[in-house]
Amino acid sequence: MATQPQIHGDADDGYGRVADVFRDNFVSRGEVGAAVTLYVRGRKVVDLYGGLADTRTGRQWEADTPVVVFSCTKGILAICAYLLAQQGRLDLDAPVTRYWPEFGQHGKDHVPVRWLLTHQVGLPALDRALTLDEILAWDPVIKAIEAQAPLWQPGTAHSYHAMTYGWLVGEVIHRVTGQLPGAFFRDAVAEPLALRTWLGLPASERDAVARNLAPPPEADPFVDPVAERGITMGGAFAFPADADGLVSFNDPAIQAAGIPGAGAVSTAEGLARLYAACVSDIRGGPLLSAASVDDAVVVRSRGQQRHGPPDTGQRWGTGFLLDSPPARPLLGASSFGHDGAGGNLAFGDARHAVGFGYVVNQMYGAGDERANRLTAAVRSCLDIGGPHGSSNVNL
C-alpha cells in the first residue's frame, strides 16, 4: 500500500466523505498528483489538492496548479456554443453552412450544427495526412474537414469524435464570433469568472502546469483503425504517449495552441467554478438558462458506436457527456459535463446546483474508478439515492 500523502485544502462539514475518498485514491489507487473541487448552490464546499505536480523535480501540487484536462475541453466548447445560442447568434438546428459555407462539400450541406456536438456527423477521422505543425496552425485542419466526405450518412450513427469535435465546433464559434474558441472562451467566460482555465495556455503559466504521466500499458487494448486515426490525427502525435512513455500534450507548443477538442489546461477549481456558474449564481446569475440546460441533458447519442470500443452505457447530449452508469455515473438525469483522457472529470448538475472538477496527472485507462468513487462520495454527501443506490464507497 502506498504511503499516504499530505492533503491540503478544505472540506466543509458534511463533505468529509469526499476528502476521505480523495485521500484514499492516493493510498490505494495510484494517485500521484490531483485536485478536486465541489461547489453546491454557489458555495465552494470542497477544495482539496495533494501529491506531486512533477515527479522529475519533486515539485508539489499547489492550490493553483493547472494540468491538461484533455476531453473536458469538449464541455467548455459546448458551453460556448450554448452561450451563443442564448444570444441569438447561433441556431443549433440550423445547417452548418449558414455559418461555414465551405463545410457543405461531399454531402455535408444539410448537416445541422447540433450533429457536430453529438458525434453523429461522420467525421471522427480525416483522410488527409497532416503534420503536427499544420494541426497547431488551425486552418489546415479546417481545410481538411471541408474536403472530407463523411464516413457514414450523417445522423444515422455515432462515433466519438475524439479530436475533430474541437475543430468542428470551434470553427462554427470562429465564424460566428470572429474569434478562435480559446479567445472567445477567455473573453466571454474565463476572465469574467476569474477561472484558471485556458484553451491556449499563456507563456506566463507554463511553469505552473503539472506534468502528465503516461498510463500503464493496457493488458488487452481495444484498437479500431478509424478511432486510432482520429485520436492521433493520423499519427501526427502519439496519444496519449509515445513508445518511451512521453505524453504528447506535455509539449509546450501543444498547450499554447489550445487543441480545441482536448487541449484545455485548468485547475480543478476552474472547472468546478465553470460548471457551478452554469447552474447557480457565481457572478450575476447562471451562465446557462433553464431552457439551455433542459436541451443539453436530452440524450442524443447512445449505444454501440460505429467505430470505437464496446458499448459501456455512455450517453451523449449536445456536446456533453450525460449521466452514464455504470461507466460514468454522475448525479442523475440533470447532470452534464465531460470526462477527459486519463481520469479527469468535470460536470454540473442543475437539480442540485452542483459544479464539480477533478484533475489528475497520473493517467489510467479502462477500469479507472478514481473519479467515479469521488462522484459516489458526492452523492452520499448530498444524500442522493435512486438508481445509483446509496452511493456507499468502500475504502
Protein backbone atom coordinates (compact mmCIF):
# COMPACT_ATOMS: atom_id res chain seq x y z
CA MET A 1 0.00 0.00 0.00
CA ALA A 2 1.33 3.43 -0.95
CA THR A 3 2.40 6.00 1.61
CA GLN A 4 -0.38 8.39 2.49
CA PRO A 5 0.46 11.87 1.17
CA GLN A 6 -0.30 15.15 2.83
CA ILE A 7 -3.62 16.50 1.56
CA HIS A 8 -4.13 20.26 1.55
CA GLY A 9 -7.24 22.38 1.39
CA ASP A 10 -10.66 22.27 2.99
CA ALA A 11 -13.88 20.29 3.06
CA ASP A 12 -16.90 21.76 4.82
CA ASP A 13 -18.80 19.85 7.49
CA GLY A 14 -20.89 17.21 5.79
CA TYR A 15 -18.42 16.69 2.93
CA GLY A 16 -15.75 14.73 4.72
CA ARG A 17 -16.59 11.65 2.66
CA VAL A 18 -15.20 13.37 -0.44
CA ALA A 19 -11.98 14.13 1.42
CA ASP A 20 -11.74 10.52 2.62
CA VAL A 21 -12.05 9.16 -0.90
CA PHE A 22 -9.69 11.75 -2.35
CA ARG A 23 -7.07 10.74 0.21
CA ASP A 24 -7.67 7.03 -0.38
CA ASN A 25 -7.15 7.44 -4.12
CA PHE A 26 -3.52 8.22 -3.30
CA VAL A 27 -3.21 5.30 -0.90
CA SER A 28 -4.92 2.57 -2.92
CA ARG A 29 -5.47 3.83 -6.47
CA GLY A 30 -2.06 5.01 -7.60
CA GLU A 31 -2.77 8.73 -7.49
CA VAL A 32 0.36 10.87 -7.95
CA GLY A 33 -0.93 14.45 -8.07
CA ALA A 34 -4.53 15.60 -8.13
CA ALA A 35 -7.12 18.13 -7.02
CA VAL A 36 -10.87 18.08 -6.52
CA THR A 37 -13.29 20.97 -6.03
CA LEU A 38 -17.03 20.94 -5.39
CA TYR A 39 -19.47 23.84 -5.43
CA VAL A 40 -23.01 23.45 -4.10
CA ARG A 41 -25.56 26.24 -4.62
CA GLY A 42 -22.86 28.75 -5.47
CA ARG A 43 -20.68 27.96 -2.44
CA LYS A 44 -17.36 26.14 -2.56
CA VAL A 45 -17.67 23.26 -0.09
CA VAL A 46 -14.67 21.11 -1.09
CA ASP A 47 -11.30 22.31 -2.36
CA LEU A 48 -8.53 19.72 -1.97
CA TYR A 49 -5.18 19.02 -3.59
CA GLY A 50 -2.09 16.97 -2.94
CA GLY A 51 0.79 14.95 -4.30
CA LEU A 52 3.38 15.80 -6.92
CA ALA A 53 2.89 18.07 -9.91
CA ASP A 54 6.17 16.91 -11.46
CA THR A 55 7.78 13.66 -10.45
CA ARG A 56 11.07 14.60 -12.15
CA THR A 57 11.72 17.56 -9.87
CA GLY A 58 9.60 16.76 -6.83
CA ARG A 59 7.50 19.89 -7.39
CA GLN A 60 4.43 19.75 -5.18
CA TRP A 61 0.86 20.19 -6.37
CA GLU A 62 -0.30 23.61 -5.21
CA ALA A 63 -3.74 25.17 -4.86
CA ASP A 64 -3.37 26.90 -8.22
CA THR A 65 -1.69 24.06 -10.17
CA PRO A 66 -3.32 23.50 -13.58
CA VAL A 67 -2.97 20.45 -15.82
CA VAL A 68 -4.06 19.42 -19.30
CA VAL A 69 -7.62 18.11 -18.90
CA PHE A 70 -7.98 16.50 -22.33
CA SER A 71 -11.61 15.96 -23.39
CA CYS A 72 -13.02 18.03 -20.55
CA THR A 73 -12.26 20.64 -23.22
CA LYS A 74 -15.29 19.45 -25.18
CA GLY A 75 -17.64 20.56 -22.42
CA ILE A 76 -16.02 24.00 -22.48
CA LEU A 77 -16.77 24.33 -26.20
CA ALA A 78 -20.33 23.14 -25.66
CA ILE A 79 -20.87 25.84 -23.02
CA CYS A 80 -19.59 28.43 -25.51
CA ALA A 81 -21.99 27.13 -28.17
CA TYR A 82 -24.95 27.38 -25.79
CA LEU A 83 -23.97 30.91 -24.80
CA LEU A 84 -24.01 31.92 -28.48
CA ALA A 85 -27.38 30.23 -28.91
CA GLN A 86 -28.77 32.15 -25.94
CA GLN A 87 -27.55 35.38 -27.52
CA GLY A 88 -29.41 34.56 -30.74
CA ARG A 89 -26.15 34.33 -32.69
CA LEU A 90 -26.22 30.57 -33.25
CA ASP A 91 -29.06 28.17 -34.06
CA LEU A 92 -28.03 24.66 -33.07
CA ASP A 93 -30.53 23.16 -35.50
CA ALA A 94 -29.56 25.33 -38.49
CA PRO A 95 -27.29 23.92 -41.21
CA VAL A 96 -23.59 24.33 -40.52
CA THR A 97 -23.33 26.01 -43.92
CA ARG A 98 -25.29 29.01 -42.63
CA TYR A 99 -22.17 29.92 -40.65
CA TRP A 100 -19.46 27.98 -42.51
CA PRO A 101 -20.39 27.68 -46.20
CA GLU A 102 -17.28 25.76 -47.23
CA PHE A 103 -18.25 22.91 -44.90
CA GLY A 104 -21.02 21.79 -47.23
CA GLN A 105 -18.87 19.73 -49.61
CA HIS A 106 -19.35 15.98 -50.20
CA GLY A 107 -22.92 15.73 -48.94
CA LYS A 108 -22.45 17.76 -45.78
CA ASP A 109 -24.61 20.69 -46.93
CA HIS A 110 -27.66 19.78 -44.83
CA VAL A 111 -25.84 18.77 -41.63
CA PRO A 112 -27.16 20.75 -38.62
CA VAL A 113 -24.79 22.31 -36.12
CA ARG A 114 -26.13 20.02 -33.41
CA TRP A 115 -24.71 16.90 -35.08
CA LEU A 116 -21.22 18.37 -34.72
CA LEU A 117 -21.76 18.28 -30.96
CA THR A 118 -23.44 14.85 -30.80
CA HIS A 119 -20.75 12.81 -32.60
CA GLN A 120 -23.20 11.99 -35.43
CA VAL A 121 -21.64 13.90 -38.35
CA GLY A 122 -19.42 11.05 -39.57
CA LEU A 123 -16.08 12.85 -39.35
CA PRO A 124 -14.22 11.14 -36.48
CA ALA A 125 -11.05 10.84 -38.58
CA LEU A 126 -9.61 12.58 -41.63
CA ASP A 127 -8.17 11.01 -44.77
CA ARG A 128 -5.62 13.76 -45.29
CA ALA A 129 -2.30 13.31 -43.52
CA LEU A 130 -1.41 16.42 -41.52
CA THR A 131 1.81 17.31 -39.78
CA LEU A 132 1.82 18.50 -36.18
CA ASP A 133 2.72 22.00 -37.36
CA GLU A 134 -0.35 22.00 -39.62
CA ILE A 135 -2.55 20.82 -36.79
CA LEU A 136 -1.29 23.57 -34.50
CA ALA A 137 -1.90 26.18 -37.24
CA TRP A 138 -5.71 25.63 -37.26
CA ASP A 139 -6.53 26.46 -40.90
CA PRO A 140 -5.04 23.29 -42.46
CA VAL A 141 -7.35 21.16 -40.29
CA ILE A 142 -10.34 23.26 -41.29
CA LYS A 143 -9.50 22.83 -44.98
CA ALA A 144 -9.14 19.08 -44.49
CA ILE A 145 -12.53 18.90 -42.78
CA GLU A 146 -14.14 20.85 -45.61
CA ALA A 147 -12.75 18.39 -48.18
CA GLN A 148 -13.59 15.27 -46.15
CA ALA A 149 -16.52 13.03 -47.07
CA PRO A 150 -18.41 11.64 -44.05
CA LEU A 151 -17.61 8.04 -43.13
CA TRP A 152 -21.35 7.34 -42.86
CA GLN A 153 -24.52 9.18 -43.72
CA PRO A 154 -24.65 11.96 -41.10
CA GLY A 155 -27.31 11.44 -38.48
CA THR A 156 -27.61 7.68 -38.96
CA ALA A 157 -24.89 6.58 -36.50
CA HIS A 158 -22.47 7.98 -33.97
CA SER A 159 -18.81 7.57 -33.07
CA TYR A 160 -16.83 9.62 -30.61
CA HIS A 161 -15.06 12.45 -32.48
CA ALA A 162 -12.06 12.46 -30.16
CA MET A 163 -10.16 15.31 -31.83
CA THR A 164 -12.18 16.55 -34.79
CA TYR A 165 -15.02 17.61 -32.47
CA GLY A 166 -12.88 20.54 -31.40
CA TRP A 167 -12.31 21.95 -34.88
CA LEU A 168 -15.87 21.21 -35.99
CA VAL A 169 -17.47 23.08 -33.11
CA GLY A 170 -14.60 25.53 -32.81
CA GLU A 171 -14.79 26.70 -36.40
CA VAL A 172 -18.51 27.42 -36.01
CA ILE A 173 -17.65 29.55 -32.96
CA HIS A 174 -14.90 31.19 -35.03
CA ARG A 175 -17.25 32.00 -37.90
CA VAL A 176 -19.95 33.39 -35.59
CA THR A 177 -17.69 35.49 -33.36
CA GLY A 178 -14.58 36.19 -35.41
CA GLN A 179 -12.53 34.69 -32.56
CA LEU A 180 -10.94 31.29 -32.23
CA PRO A 181 -12.70 29.35 -29.47
CA GLY A 182 -9.92 29.84 -26.92
CA ALA A 183 -10.10 33.61 -27.29
CA PHE A 184 -13.90 33.64 -27.15
CA PHE A 185 -13.91 31.46 -24.04
CA ARG A 186 -11.30 33.69 -22.39
CA ASP A 187 -13.20 36.92 -23.05
CA ALA A 188 -16.77 35.69 -22.53
CA VAL A 189 -16.31 33.21 -19.69
CA ALA A 190 -12.89 32.64 -18.14
CA GLU A 191 -11.86 36.20 -17.35
CA PRO A 192 -15.29 37.34 -16.07
CA LEU A 193 -15.40 34.29 -13.77
CA ALA A 194 -11.71 34.54 -12.79
CA LEU A 195 -11.03 30.95 -13.89
CA ARG A 196 -7.60 29.39 -14.05
CA THR A 197 -8.74 27.63 -17.21
CA TRP A 198 -7.28 28.21 -20.66
CA LEU A 199 -7.69 26.93 -24.19
CA GLY A 200 -4.33 28.22 -25.35
CA LEU A 201 -2.01 28.42 -22.37
CA PRO A 202 -0.25 31.79 -21.81
CA ALA A 203 3.54 31.58 -21.66
CA SER A 204 3.42 33.11 -18.17
CA GLU A 205 1.63 29.99 -16.85
CA ARG A 206 3.82 27.35 -18.48
CA ASP A 207 5.97 26.59 -15.43
CA ALA A 208 2.92 26.10 -13.20
CA VAL A 209 1.43 23.25 -15.25
CA ALA A 210 1.57 19.74 -13.81
CA ARG A 211 3.33 17.14 -15.94
CA ASN A 212 1.18 14.24 -17.11
CA LEU A 213 2.40 10.68 -16.62
CA ALA A 214 1.53 8.03 -19.20
CA PRO A 215 -0.98 5.34 -18.31
CA PRO A 216 0.32 1.82 -17.87
CA PRO A 217 0.06 -0.36 -20.99
CA GLU A 218 -3.37 -1.90 -21.40
CA ALA A 219 -3.33 -5.66 -20.98
CA ASP A 220 -5.82 -6.11 -23.82
CA PRO A 221 -6.27 -2.79 -25.61
CA PHE A 222 -9.17 -2.24 -27.99
CA VAL A 223 -7.90 -0.98 -31.33
CA ASP A 224 -10.14 0.33 -34.11
CA PRO A 225 -8.21 1.80 -37.06
CA VAL A 226 -10.61 4.71 -37.54
CA ALA A 227 -10.75 5.52 -33.83
CA GLU A 228 -6.95 5.30 -33.60
CA ARG A 229 -6.50 7.56 -36.62
CA GLY A 230 -8.95 10.01 -35.12
CA ILE A 231 -7.30 10.23 -31.72
CA THR A 232 -3.77 10.63 -33.14
CA MET A 233 -4.89 12.85 -36.04
CA GLY A 234 -3.49 10.31 -38.47
CA GLY A 235 -0.31 9.80 -36.49
CA ALA A 236 0.69 13.47 -36.21
CA PHE A 237 1.21 12.92 -32.50
CA ALA A 238 1.22 9.94 -30.18
CA PHE A 239 -1.79 9.81 -27.91
CA PRO A 240 -1.67 9.68 -25.05
CA ALA A 241 2.04 8.81 -25.07
CA ASP A 242 4.81 7.62 -27.35
CA ALA A 243 6.79 4.41 -27.07
CA ASP A 244 9.06 5.99 -24.46
CA GLY A 245 6.12 6.99 -22.27
CA LEU A 246 6.27 10.69 -23.09
CA VAL A 247 2.80 12.27 -23.04
CA SER A 248 2.41 14.34 -26.20
CA PHE A 249 0.28 17.01 -24.54
CA ASN A 250 3.13 17.93 -22.20
CA ASP A 251 4.58 19.69 -25.25
CA PRO A 252 4.51 23.48 -24.60
CA ALA A 253 3.63 24.10 -28.26
CA ILE A 254 0.56 21.88 -27.99
CA GLN A 255 -0.53 23.53 -24.75
CA ALA A 256 -0.07 27.02 -26.20
CA ALA A 257 -2.00 26.16 -29.37
CA GLY A 258 -5.05 25.03 -27.42
CA ILE A 259 -6.10 21.99 -29.47
CA PRO A 260 -9.84 22.57 -29.25
CA GLY A 261 -11.07 19.05 -28.56
CA ALA A 262 -8.52 18.07 -25.95
CA GLY A 263 -6.04 20.82 -25.14
CA ALA A 264 -7.54 22.88 -22.33
CA VAL A 265 -5.42 23.44 -19.23
CA SER A 266 -7.22 24.00 -15.94
CA THR A 267 -7.26 23.67 -12.21
CA ALA A 268 -9.97 21.58 -10.59
CA GLU A 269 -11.32 24.79 -9.10
CA GLY A 270 -11.54 26.38 -12.54
CA LEU A 271 -13.64 23.53 -13.94
CA ALA A 272 -15.86 23.28 -10.86
CA ARG A 273 -16.43 27.03 -10.83
CA LEU A 274 -17.23 27.00 -14.55
CA TYR A 275 -19.95 24.38 -14.15
CA ALA A 276 -21.20 25.94 -10.92
CA ALA A 277 -21.61 29.20 -12.84
CA CYS A 278 -23.73 27.35 -15.41
CA VAL A 279 -26.33 26.33 -12.82
CA SER A 280 -26.05 28.84 -9.96
CA ASP A 281 -25.22 32.43 -9.14
CA ILE A 282 -21.46 32.79 -9.12
CA ARG A 283 -21.21 36.20 -10.73
CA GLY A 284 -24.54 37.65 -11.76
CA GLY A 285 -26.73 34.60 -12.21
CA PRO A 286 -26.41 31.31 -14.09
CA LEU A 287 -24.50 31.32 -17.38
CA LEU A 288 -26.96 28.87 -18.90
CA SER A 289 -30.68 29.39 -18.99
CA ALA A 290 -33.06 26.71 -17.77
CA ALA A 291 -34.03 26.11 -21.41
CA SER A 292 -30.39 25.59 -22.38
CA VAL A 293 -29.82 23.10 -19.57
CA ASP A 294 -33.02 21.25 -20.43
CA ASP A 295 -31.83 20.99 -24.03
CA ALA A 296 -28.28 20.00 -23.02
CA VAL A 297 -29.38 16.96 -20.99
CA VAL A 298 -31.54 15.41 -23.72
CA VAL A 299 -29.89 12.15 -24.79
CA ARG A 300 -28.88 12.48 -28.46
CA SER A 301 -26.46 9.56 -28.91
CA ARG A 302 -26.16 6.26 -27.11
CA GLY A 303 -25.44 2.59 -27.75
CA GLN A 304 -22.74 0.96 -29.84
CA GLN A 305 -20.53 3.35 -31.79
CA ARG A 306 -19.78 2.81 -35.46
CA HIS A 307 -16.07 2.99 -34.64
CA GLY A 308 -14.99 2.57 -31.06
CA PRO A 309 -14.88 0.24 -28.06
CA PRO A 310 -17.77 -1.97 -26.97
CA ASP A 311 -20.72 -0.04 -25.57
CA THR A 312 -20.26 0.80 -21.88
CA GLY A 313 -23.52 2.71 -21.46
CA GLN A 314 -22.21 6.18 -22.23
CA ARG A 315 -24.88 8.70 -23.22
CA TRP A 316 -24.25 11.95 -25.03
CA GLY A 317 -26.26 15.14 -25.11
CA THR A 318 -25.46 18.19 -27.22
CA GLY A 319 -21.74 18.48 -26.57
CA PHE A 320 -21.87 16.96 -23.10
CA LEU A 321 -21.40 13.57 -21.53
CA LEU A 322 -24.52 12.79 -19.51
CA ASP A 323 -25.16 10.58 -16.51
CA SER A 324 -23.97 7.19 -17.80
CA PRO A 325 -24.00 4.36 -15.30
CA PRO A 326 -22.23 2.02 -14.94
CA ALA A 327 -19.27 3.50 -16.85
CA ARG A 328 -19.65 7.13 -15.77
CA PRO A 329 -22.42 7.76 -13.22
CA LEU A 330 -22.83 11.43 -12.31
CA LEU A 331 -25.57 12.75 -10.01
CA GLY A 332 -28.56 11.91 -12.16
CA ALA A 333 -30.58 13.00 -15.17
CA SER A 334 -29.86 16.70 -14.61
CA SER A 335 -26.06 16.26 -14.81
CA PHE A 336 -23.99 17.34 -17.81
CA GLY A 337 -20.25 17.67 -18.31
CA HIS A 338 -17.33 15.76 -19.73
CA ASP A 339 -14.54 13.47 -18.69
CA GLY A 340 -11.01 13.60 -20.03
CA ALA A 341 -8.40 11.03 -21.00
CA GLY A 342 -6.54 9.56 -18.10
CA GLY A 343 -9.09 10.26 -15.38
CA ASN A 344 -10.20 13.92 -15.36
CA LEU A 345 -13.87 14.78 -14.84
CA ALA A 346 -15.95 17.96 -14.69
CA PHE A 347 -19.71 18.40 -14.61
CA GLY A 348 -22.61 20.49 -13.44
CA ASP A 349 -25.97 19.44 -12.12
CA ALA A 350 -28.96 21.74 -12.33
CA ARG A 351 -31.21 19.98 -9.85
CA HIS A 352 -28.59 20.02 -7.10
CA ALA A 353 -26.87 23.25 -8.24
CA VAL A 354 -23.51 21.49 -8.28
CA GLY A 355 -20.25 22.22 -10.04
CA PHE A 356 -17.59 19.51 -9.80
CA GLY A 357 -14.00 19.38 -11.04
CA TYR A 358 -11.37 16.68 -10.61
CA VAL A 359 -7.97 16.78 -12.33
CA VAL A 360 -5.01 14.39 -12.25
CA ASN A 361 -1.57 13.91 -13.72
CA GLN A 362 -1.23 10.12 -13.43
CA MET A 363 -3.24 8.85 -16.36
CA TYR A 364 -5.03 5.50 -16.30
CA GLY A 365 -7.23 3.71 -18.80
CA ALA A 366 -10.01 1.13 -18.64
CA GLY A 367 -11.11 0.26 -15.13
CA ASP A 368 -10.01 3.56 -13.55
CA GLU A 369 -12.51 4.27 -10.78
CA ARG A 370 -10.92 7.32 -9.12
CA ALA A 371 -13.43 9.86 -10.48
CA ASN A 372 -16.40 7.52 -10.06
CA ARG A 373 -15.51 6.99 -6.41
CA LEU A 374 -15.43 10.74 -5.87
CA THR A 375 -18.81 11.30 -7.53
CA ALA A 376 -20.23 8.47 -5.45
CA ALA A 377 -18.94 10.28 -2.37
CA VAL A 378 -20.60 13.49 -3.55
CA ARG A 379 -23.89 11.63 -3.99
CA SER A 380 -23.51 10.25 -0.48
CA CYS A 381 -22.88 13.72 0.97
CA LEU A 382 -25.88 15.15 -0.87
CA ASP A 383 -27.97 12.12 0.14
CA ILE A 384 -28.80 11.23 -3.45
CA GLY A 385 -30.16 7.70 -3.75
CA GLY A 386 -32.23 6.39 -6.62
CA PRO A 387 -30.85 4.19 -9.39
CA HIS A 388 -27.29 4.60 -8.18
CA GLY A 389 -28.14 3.11 -4.78
CA SER A 390 -26.92 4.61 -1.55
CA SER A 391 -23.60 5.73 -3.02
CA ASN A 392 -21.54 3.85 -0.46
CA VAL A 393 -17.79 3.93 -1.15
CA ASN A 394 -15.58 1.15 0.12
CA LEU A 395 -12.23 2.39 1.41
